[in-house]
Amino acid sequence: MLNYLAAALPAETGAGARMLALQCALRMNESAQVRLPYGVLRSLRLESATDSWRELKEAGLLRTFPSDKRAVAVQILDAGLLTQHPARPDRLRAADWAMRSVCRARASSIPLLQLAALFIVARTPRGRGHGMTDMDQIARECGFPAAALPSLLNQLVEVGVLTTWQVAPEAGDLSWTLGPTVIYPESVTNESN
């Protein structure tokens, strides 16, 4: 889903907006509607996400409706999101996993750190504790310049998401080892992400 959203959203879309888009895309029903509880926004530390909602509206991804005191009502406008897999029950588990993994990883209240932590954890094969990806892929899907990657990865080491990381200069591959605070829930496998 992060890969699809990277293609669907403008490159300058902020990390907070990308986190909101991910939660909405994973939680939407068969009519492309979602009721996003304020508790989810608080858990992601995005409760005052006015700019992020505006970015997603301007990108044409969604529109919001007047909501009650418990949730934000959203209509997804990107029909392509309905064709993404897995099915809704698996997407709901993935949405819950995404939210919990970011919170559990103590990735702070900085949306870019949260999104980068989610990207890395989602691409770490279950039970291995280490993974690898192309540097350009993480930069594209998280919406930041590749030159900012070393600083971001060092911050993920500081908060315990990563133990180590390195880049193979010739190939441009990023490899990492997860920190001890990152745990996969039993009900979600890497294939659901």
Protein backbone atom coordinates (compact mmCIF):
# COMPACT_ATOMS: atom_id res chain seq x y z
CA MET A 1 0.00 0.00 0.00
CA LEU A 2 2.91 2.35 0.70
CA ASN A 3 4.12 1.71 -2.85
CA TYR A 4 0.69 2.48 -4.35
CA LEU A 5 0.34 5.66 -2.29
CA ALA A 6 3.82 6.78 -3.38
CA ALA A 7 2.58 6.66 -6.98
CA ALA A 8 -0.83 8.17 -6.22
CA LEU A 9 0.31 11.12 -4.10
CA PRO A 10 2.42 14.09 -5.20
CA ALA A 11 6.10 13.67 -4.28
CA GLU A 12 5.94 16.64 -1.90
CA THR A 13 3.17 15.08 0.22
CA GLY A 14 4.28 15.13 3.85
CA ALA A 15 4.80 12.10 6.06
CA GLY A 16 1.80 12.94 8.27
CA ALA A 17 -0.47 13.00 5.22
CA ARG A 18 1.03 9.71 4.02
CA MET A 19 0.33 8.11 7.42
CA LEU A 20 -3.28 9.32 7.26
CA ALA A 21 -3.65 8.11 3.68
CA LEU A 22 -2.30 4.70 4.66
CA GLN A 23 -4.71 4.33 7.57
CA CYS A 24 -7.65 5.45 5.41
CA ALA A 25 -6.69 3.14 2.54
CA LEU A 26 -6.31 0.14 4.83
CA ARG A 27 -9.53 0.82 6.75
CA MET A 28 -11.88 1.74 3.88
CA ASN A 29 -14.93 -0.38 3.13
CA GLU A 30 -16.15 -1.66 -0.27
CA SER A 31 -17.67 1.79 -0.97
CA ALA A 32 -14.29 3.48 -0.38
CA GLN A 33 -15.55 5.07 2.81
CA VAL A 34 -13.87 5.05 6.19
CA ARG A 35 -14.68 6.26 9.65
CA LEU A 36 -11.31 7.01 11.22
CA PRO A 37 -11.60 7.12 15.03
CA TYR A 38 -9.91 10.00 16.80
CA GLY A 39 -8.24 7.38 19.01
CA VAL A 40 -6.27 6.21 15.96
CA LEU A 41 -5.18 9.78 15.28
CA ARG A 42 -4.14 10.19 18.93
CA SER A 43 -2.21 6.92 18.83
CA LEU A 44 -0.35 8.12 15.76
CA ARG A 45 0.05 11.55 17.38
CA LEU A 46 -1.79 13.10 14.44
CA GLU A 47 -4.85 14.48 16.24
CA SER A 48 -4.18 18.03 15.02
CA ALA A 49 -3.49 16.96 11.45
CA THR A 50 -5.25 19.83 9.69
CA ASP A 51 -2.42 20.35 7.20
CA SER A 52 -2.21 16.63 6.46
CA TRP A 53 -5.95 16.40 5.73
CA ARG A 54 -5.64 19.48 3.50
CA GLU A 55 -2.75 17.90 1.58
CA LEU A 56 -4.77 14.76 0.91
CA LYS A 57 -7.81 16.78 -0.20
CA GLU A 58 -5.68 18.90 -2.55
CA ALA A 59 -4.08 15.75 -3.97
CA GLY A 60 -7.57 14.48 -4.82
CA LEU A 61 -7.19 11.35 -2.72
CA LEU A 62 -10.12 11.93 -0.38
CA ARG A 63 -12.69 14.28 1.05
CA THR A 64 -13.86 14.52 4.62
CA PHE A 65 -17.40 14.99 5.89
CA PRO A 66 -18.75 16.61 9.02
CA SER A 67 -17.95 14.16 11.76
CA ASP A 68 -19.04 13.34 15.25
CA LYS A 69 -16.90 13.62 18.37
CA ARG A 70 -15.52 10.10 17.94
CA ALA A 71 -14.31 9.86 14.34
CA VAL A 72 -13.57 11.55 11.03
CA ALA A 73 -15.75 10.42 8.12
CA VAL A 74 -13.82 10.06 4.86
CA GLN A 75 -14.65 9.23 1.24
CA ILE A 76 -11.68 7.91 -0.75
CA LEU A 77 -11.73 9.40 -4.26
CA ASP A 78 -8.93 7.29 -5.78
CA ALA A 79 -10.75 4.35 -7.35
CA GLY A 80 -7.44 2.51 -7.76
CA LEU A 81 -7.26 1.94 -4.03
CA LEU A 82 -10.28 -0.37 -4.29
CA THR A 83 -8.27 -2.71 -6.52
CA GLN A 84 -5.47 -3.15 -4.00
CA HIS A 85 -5.16 -6.40 -2.12
CA PRO A 86 -5.52 -8.05 0.39
CA ALA A 87 -9.20 -8.22 1.28
CA ARG A 88 -10.75 -5.88 3.85
CA PRO A 89 -10.32 -8.10 6.96
CA ASP A 90 -6.61 -8.45 6.18
CA ARG A 91 -6.32 -4.72 5.45
CA LEU A 92 -7.95 -3.93 8.81
CA ARG A 93 -5.45 -6.17 10.58
CA ALA A 94 -2.65 -4.50 8.62
CA ALA A 95 -3.98 -1.03 9.62
CA ASP A 96 -4.01 -2.05 13.26
CA TRP A 97 -0.55 -3.59 12.92
CA ALA A 98 0.79 -0.44 11.23
CA MET A 99 -0.55 1.74 14.02
CA ARG A 100 0.68 -0.53 16.81
CA SER A 101 4.10 -1.13 15.29
CA VAL A 102 4.77 2.60 15.02
CA CYS A 103 3.61 3.17 18.60
CA ARG A 104 5.48 0.14 19.94
CA ALA A 105 8.64 1.12 18.09
CA ARG A 106 8.69 4.41 19.99
CA ALA A 107 9.25 6.26 16.73
CA SER A 108 8.35 9.53 18.48
CA SER A 109 5.77 12.03 17.37
CA ILE A 110 7.62 12.96 14.20
CA PRO A 111 5.55 11.61 11.28
CA LEU A 112 8.58 11.03 9.04
CA LEU A 113 10.21 8.84 11.70
CA GLN A 114 6.94 6.97 12.14
CA LEU A 115 6.59 6.39 8.41
CA ALA A 116 10.22 5.33 7.98
CA ALA A 117 9.91 2.94 10.95
CA LEU A 118 6.77 1.46 9.44
CA PHE A 119 8.43 1.07 6.03
CA ILE A 120 11.44 -0.71 7.54
CA VAL A 121 9.45 -3.00 9.84
CA ALA A 122 7.03 -3.91 7.04
CA ARG A 123 9.96 -4.90 4.82
CA THR A 124 11.76 -6.98 7.40
CA PRO A 125 10.99 -10.67 6.89
CA ARG A 126 9.26 -12.09 9.94
CA GLY A 127 11.58 -13.85 12.34
CA ARG A 128 14.80 -12.61 10.71
CA GLY A 129 15.31 -9.26 12.40
CA HIS A 130 17.14 -7.81 9.43
CA GLY A 131 16.19 -6.69 5.96
CA MET A 132 17.27 -4.92 2.81
CA THR A 133 15.76 -2.57 0.23
CA ASP A 134 16.80 -0.07 -2.38
CA MET A 135 17.57 3.39 -0.97
CA ASP A 136 15.49 5.06 -3.66
CA GLN A 137 12.47 2.96 -2.73
CA ILE A 138 12.38 4.03 0.91
CA ALA A 139 12.92 7.67 -0.10
CA ARG A 140 10.11 7.52 -2.68
CA GLU A 141 7.59 5.70 -0.49
CA CYS A 142 8.26 7.87 2.55
CA GLY A 143 8.47 11.09 0.53
CA PHE A 144 11.88 12.47 1.45
CA PRO A 145 15.12 13.10 -0.46
CA ALA A 146 17.58 10.20 -0.48
CA ALA A 147 20.28 12.55 0.83
CA ALA A 148 18.32 12.83 4.11
CA LEU A 149 18.35 9.05 4.64
CA PRO A 150 21.50 8.77 6.83
CA SER A 151 20.18 11.31 9.33
CA LEU A 152 16.78 9.63 9.42
CA LEU A 153 18.31 6.18 9.94
CA ASN A 154 20.50 7.49 12.75
CA GLN A 155 17.37 8.85 14.44
CA LEU A 156 15.74 5.40 14.11
CA VAL A 157 18.79 3.92 15.87
CA GLU A 158 18.42 6.52 18.65
CA VAL A 159 14.76 5.59 19.29
CA GLY A 160 15.47 1.84 19.17
CA VAL A 161 13.77 0.91 15.89
CA LEU A 162 17.12 -0.06 14.39
CA THR A 163 20.26 -1.49 15.94
CA THR A 164 22.43 -1.01 12.85
CA TRP A 165 22.17 0.04 9.23
CA GLN A 166 24.49 0.33 6.25
CA VAL A 167 24.38 1.25 2.58
CA ALA A 168 26.20 -0.64 -0.16
CA PRO A 169 27.53 2.35 -2.14
CA GLU A 170 27.78 0.63 -5.53
CA ALA A 171 24.35 -1.01 -5.51
CA GLY A 172 22.51 1.60 -3.44
CA ASP A 173 21.04 -1.10 -1.22
CA LEU A 174 20.15 -0.30 2.37
CA SER A 175 20.42 -3.10 4.92
CA TRP A 176 19.45 -2.98 8.58
CA THR A 177 18.98 -4.88 11.81
CA LEU A 178 15.87 -4.17 13.84
CA GLY A 179 16.11 -3.06 17.44
CA PRO A 180 14.71 -5.15 20.30
CA THR A 181 11.59 -2.96 20.69
CA VAL A 182 10.13 -4.05 17.34
CA ILE A 183 7.76 -6.99 17.59
CA TYR A 184 5.46 -8.48 14.95
CA PRO A 185 1.94 -9.28 16.14
CA GLU A 186 1.11 -12.95 15.71
CA SER A 187 -1.97 -12.35 13.52
CA VAL A 188 -0.23 -10.35 10.79
CA THR A 189 2.46 -11.64 8.48
CA ASN A 190 4.78 -9.67 6.28
CA GLU A 191 2.70 -10.68 3.25
CA SER A 192 -0.28 -8.65 4.60
CA ASN A 193 1.69 -5.43 4.47
